[in-house]
């Protein structure tokens, strides 16, 4: 999956500046929100990428009990 956009969805210009991304964590997934600003028309737009949430508990089930 390509993270970077090729052109502005508003004016079609290719002069884009990537802004600081934002992260959001839910119980099931981790979302990364990438932000860009077009240097031609000055509009901003986002792209969201969702990844499954992986906990650090190894073999434990989601209710907190160890799997047997």
Protein backbone atom coordinates (compact mmCIF):
# COMPACT_ATOMS: atom_id res chain seq x y z
CA UNK A 1 0.00 0.00 0.00
CA UNK A 2 1.37 3.37 -0.97
CA UNK A 3 1.46 5.81 1.95
CA UNK A 4 2.33 8.99 0.07
CA UNK A 5 -0.20 10.62 -2.27
CA UNK A 6 0.90 11.46 -5.80
CA UNK A 7 -1.16 14.63 -6.15
CA UNK A 8 -3.61 16.88 -4.34
CA UNK A 9 -7.19 15.54 -4.50
CA UNK A 10 -8.51 19.12 -4.69
CA UNK A 11 -6.44 20.79 -7.42
CA UNK A 12 -4.26 18.00 -8.85
CA UNK A 13 -0.94 19.68 -8.00
CA UNK A 14 2.02 17.53 -7.00
CA UNK A 15 3.52 20.04 -4.56
CA UNK A 16 2.66 18.39 -1.24
CA UNK A 17 4.06 18.78 2.25
CA UNK A 18 3.66 15.93 4.75
CA UNK A 19 2.62 17.11 8.19
CA UNK A 20 3.06 15.32 11.53
CA UNK A 21 1.04 12.06 11.61
CA UNK A 22 -1.43 11.24 14.39
CA UNK A 23 -1.87 7.85 16.06
CA UNK A 24 -5.08 6.47 17.56
CA UNK A 25 -5.31 3.19 19.46
CA UNK A 26 -8.56 1.26 19.98
CA UNK A 27 -9.17 -2.14 21.55
CA UNK A 28 -8.98 -3.90 18.18
CA UNK A 29 -6.66 -1.80 16.03
CA UNK A 30 -4.12 0.98 15.76
CA UNK A 31 -4.89 3.81 13.34
CA UNK A 32 -2.24 6.06 11.82
CA UNK A 33 -3.59 9.26 10.29
CA UNK A 34 -1.22 10.88 7.82
CA UNK A 35 -1.78 14.57 7.05
CA UNK A 36 -0.69 16.50 3.95
CA UNK A 37 -0.99 20.09 2.81
CA UNK A 38 -0.97 21.14 -0.81
CA UNK A 39 1.48 23.98 -1.35
CA UNK A 40 -0.45 25.10 -4.45
CA UNK A 41 -4.04 25.49 -3.18
CA UNK A 42 -3.21 25.23 0.58
CA UNK A 43 -5.90 22.59 1.22
CA UNK A 44 -5.13 19.84 3.75
CA UNK A 45 -6.16 16.20 3.45
CA UNK A 46 -5.62 12.93 5.31
CA UNK A 47 -5.04 9.24 4.72
CA UNK A 48 -5.91 6.64 7.36
CA UNK A 49 -4.17 3.30 7.74
CA UNK A 50 -5.52 0.69 10.17
CA UNK A 51 -3.39 -2.12 11.56
CA UNK A 52 -4.62 -4.92 13.86
CA UNK A 53 -3.82 -4.28 17.50
CA UNK A 54 -1.29 -6.72 18.93
CA UNK A 55 -0.94 -6.94 22.68
CA UNK A 56 2.23 -7.94 24.52
CA UNK A 57 0.65 -10.74 26.57
CA UNK A 58 1.78 -13.66 24.40
CA UNK A 59 -0.49 -16.70 24.78
CA UNK A 60 -3.15 -15.10 26.99
CA UNK A 61 -6.69 -14.88 25.71
CA UNK A 62 -8.49 -11.56 25.41
CA UNK A 63 -10.30 -12.03 28.78
CA UNK A 64 -6.93 -12.09 30.60
CA UNK A 65 -6.81 -15.81 31.40
CA UNK A 66 -3.89 -17.90 30.23
CA UNK A 67 -4.63 -20.30 27.37
CA UNK A 68 -4.36 -23.99 28.29
